[in-house]
Protein backbone atom coordinates (compact mmCIF):
# COMPACT_ATOMS: atom_id res chain seq x y z
CA MET A 1 0.00 0.00 0.00
CA SER A 2 1.11 3.48 -0.70
CA ALA A 3 1.81 5.98 2.04
CA LYS A 4 -1.16 8.14 1.03
CA LEU A 5 -3.57 5.21 1.26
CA LYS A 6 -2.19 4.19 4.66
CA LEU A 7 -2.60 7.75 5.90
CA LEU A 8 -6.19 7.88 4.62
CA VAL A 9 -7.07 4.59 6.36
CA PHE A 10 -5.44 5.86 9.57
CA PHE A 11 -7.51 9.08 9.59
CA CYS A 12 -10.74 7.15 8.85
CA LEU A 13 -10.06 4.84 11.78
CA LEU A 14 -9.18 7.80 13.98
CA ALA A 15 -12.43 9.60 13.07
CA SER A 16 -14.51 6.50 13.82
CA PHE A 17 -12.67 6.05 17.14
CA VAL A 18 -13.31 9.67 18.18
CA THR A 19 -17.02 9.51 17.31
CA ALA A 20 -17.30 6.18 19.13
CA GLN A 21 -16.05 7.92 22.29
CA GLN A 22 -19.11 10.18 22.36
CA GLN A 23 -22.72 9.36 23.12
CA THR A 24 -26.19 10.91 22.85
CA ILE A 25 -28.52 11.49 25.78
CA ARG A 26 -32.22 11.57 24.87
CA GLY A 27 -35.24 11.89 27.07
CA THR A 28 -38.45 13.54 28.10
CA VAL A 29 -39.21 16.13 30.78
CA LEU A 30 -42.57 15.75 32.55
CA ASP A 31 -44.51 17.51 35.28
CA ALA A 32 -44.18 15.40 38.44
CA PHE A 33 -47.89 15.52 39.34
CA THR A 34 -49.73 15.57 36.01
CA ASP A 35 -47.18 13.67 33.86
CA SER A 36 -47.75 16.25 31.11
CA PRO A 37 -44.74 17.21 28.94
CA LEU A 38 -42.92 20.43 29.80
CA PRO A 39 -41.63 22.56 26.89
CA GLY A 40 -38.79 25.04 27.31
CA VAL A 41 -36.85 23.12 29.99
CA VAL A 42 -33.08 23.66 29.89
CA VAL A 43 -31.37 20.26 30.20
CA GLN A 44 -27.59 20.32 30.58
CA VAL A 45 -24.74 17.98 31.40
CA VAL A 46 -23.07 19.29 34.57
CA ALA A 47 -19.37 19.45 35.49
CA MET A 48 -17.76 18.88 32.11
CA GLU A 49 -15.09 20.88 30.34
CA SER A 50 -17.39 21.76 27.45
CA ILE A 51 -21.03 22.75 27.67
CA HIS A 52 -23.55 20.18 26.46
CA SER A 53 -27.19 21.26 26.71
CA ASP A 54 -30.55 21.31 24.95
CA VAL A 55 -34.01 22.82 25.43
CA SER A 56 -37.05 20.53 25.48
CA ASN A 57 -39.56 20.94 22.65
CA VAL A 58 -43.38 21.01 22.77
CA ASP A 59 -43.49 17.27 23.51
CA GLY A 60 -41.00 17.68 26.37
CA SER A 61 -38.33 15.80 24.36
CA PHE A 62 -34.66 16.72 24.38
CA GLU A 63 -31.48 15.38 22.75
CA ILE A 64 -27.94 16.18 23.86
CA LYS A 65 -25.36 15.01 21.32
CA SER A 66 -21.61 14.43 21.49
CA VAL A 67 -21.37 13.81 25.25
CA PRO A 68 -18.07 12.12 26.23
CA LEU A 69 -18.31 8.59 27.63
CA GLY A 70 -18.10 7.99 31.37
CA ARG A 71 -20.10 9.14 34.37
CA CYS A 72 -21.98 12.44 34.27
CA SER A 73 -24.81 14.36 35.91
CA VAL A 74 -27.77 15.94 34.11
CA LYS A 75 -29.59 19.00 35.45
CA ALA A 76 -33.05 20.15 34.29
CA SER A 77 -34.40 23.60 35.17
CA LEU A 78 -37.46 25.66 34.28
CA LEU A 79 -38.83 28.89 35.72
CA GLY A 80 -41.57 28.09 38.25
CA TYR A 81 -40.24 24.56 38.88
CA ASN A 82 -37.65 23.12 41.26
CA GLU A 83 -34.40 22.04 39.61
CA ASN A 84 -33.82 18.31 39.27
CA THR A 85 -30.33 16.82 39.02
CA ILE A 86 -29.75 13.18 38.12
CA SER A 87 -26.27 12.06 39.21
CA ASN A 88 -24.01 9.15 38.25
CA ILE A 89 -25.38 8.48 34.78
CA MET A 90 -23.08 5.99 33.07
CA LEU A 91 -22.57 6.65 29.37
CA VAL A 92 -21.23 3.58 27.56
CA SER A 93 -20.25 3.09 23.94
CA GLY A 94 -22.89 1.66 21.62
CA LYS A 95 -25.86 2.30 23.92
CA GLU A 96 -27.87 5.51 23.83
CA THR A 97 -29.02 6.80 27.22
CA GLN A 98 -32.77 7.43 27.69
CA LEU A 99 -33.93 9.60 30.61
CA THR A 100 -37.31 10.60 32.00
CA ILE A 101 -36.97 13.68 34.18
CA LYS A 102 -39.83 14.86 36.38
CA LEU A 103 -39.98 18.40 37.74
CA GLU A 104 -42.08 19.59 40.69
CA GLU A 105 -43.72 23.00 40.69
CA LYS A 106 -42.11 25.58 42.95
CA VAL A 107 -44.70 26.84 45.44
CA MET A 108 -44.13 30.31 46.81
CA GLN A 109 -46.11 32.16 49.48
CA LEU A 110 -46.52 35.80 48.49
CA ASN A 111 -48.02 38.79 50.26
CA GLU A 112 -51.61 39.68 49.46
CA VAL A 113 -52.37 42.33 46.88
CA THR A 114 -55.27 44.79 47.08
CA VAL A 115 -56.56 46.33 43.86
CA THR A 116 -58.55 49.54 44.13
CA ASN A 117 -60.12 51.79 41.54
CA LYS A 118 -60.32 55.52 41.90
CA THR A 119 -62.75 57.15 39.49
CA THR A 120 -63.17 60.82 38.80
CA LYS A 121 -65.93 62.35 36.72
CA ARG A 122 -63.91 65.38 35.76
CA GLY A 123 -61.96 63.78 32.96
CA THR A 124 -62.79 61.26 30.29
CA ILE A 125 -61.29 57.90 29.54
CA ASN A 126 -60.85 58.75 25.87
CA ASP A 127 -58.17 61.42 25.38
CA MET A 128 -59.34 62.10 21.81
CA SER A 129 -62.71 63.52 22.92
CA LEU A 130 -62.07 67.19 23.53
CA ILE A 131 -65.56 68.72 23.91
CA SER A 132 -68.96 67.51 25.15
CA ALA A 133 -67.53 64.40 26.79
CA ARG A 134 -68.51 63.21 30.24
CA THR A 135 -68.08 59.98 32.21
CA PHE A 136 -71.18 58.39 33.73
CA SER A 137 -71.98 55.12 35.49
CA THR A 138 -74.40 52.36 34.47
CA GLU A 139 -76.84 53.49 37.16
CA GLU A 140 -76.93 56.98 35.64
CA THR A 141 -77.84 55.59 32.22
CA GLU A 142 -81.18 54.43 33.59
CA ARG A 143 -82.11 58.04 34.35
CA PHE A 144 -81.73 59.32 30.78
CA ALA A 145 -84.75 59.71 28.49
CA GLY A 146 -85.42 56.68 26.35
CA SER A 147 -83.68 54.25 28.70
CA LEU A 148 -85.23 51.03 29.97
CA GLY A 149 -86.56 52.67 33.15
CA ASP A 150 -88.07 55.73 31.39
CA PRO A 151 -91.81 56.12 32.24
CA ALA A 152 -92.55 57.32 28.70
CA ARG A 153 -91.44 53.90 27.33
CA GLU A 154 -93.82 51.89 29.47
CA GLU A 155 -96.80 50.46 27.64
CA SER A 156 -100.27 50.60 29.11
């Protein structure tokens, strides 16, 4: 064999060896109580030199590619939910890792809120009405002529 052919075979074997040393992590993220899929969850492999992460789609599915073989931890986080970390996941060559991650809702006790409305009859709600505009309540509409409570409308 020629030197060029040997070099080509060497690089092909090297490329297959490097890709064999990486694995894919697939899975689904679900709500812990309803088992419904959660979209938008950030799923990432923790404590590695390079960052490996994905965001779950509408079905709650995620796929993290090119993760080095060995032991790793996977963390899932979403706003309004408690983080969930799965430790000691063993990634082996030739076997894709499937995970089902369940997240619990984060319950927070907040202070009570009081909503009040302050109305004034001086101004109008519509800023475009410059003249002959006035604010009135629904009770006042019954007093106008031609309204439902007008005595002239009553039939005998």
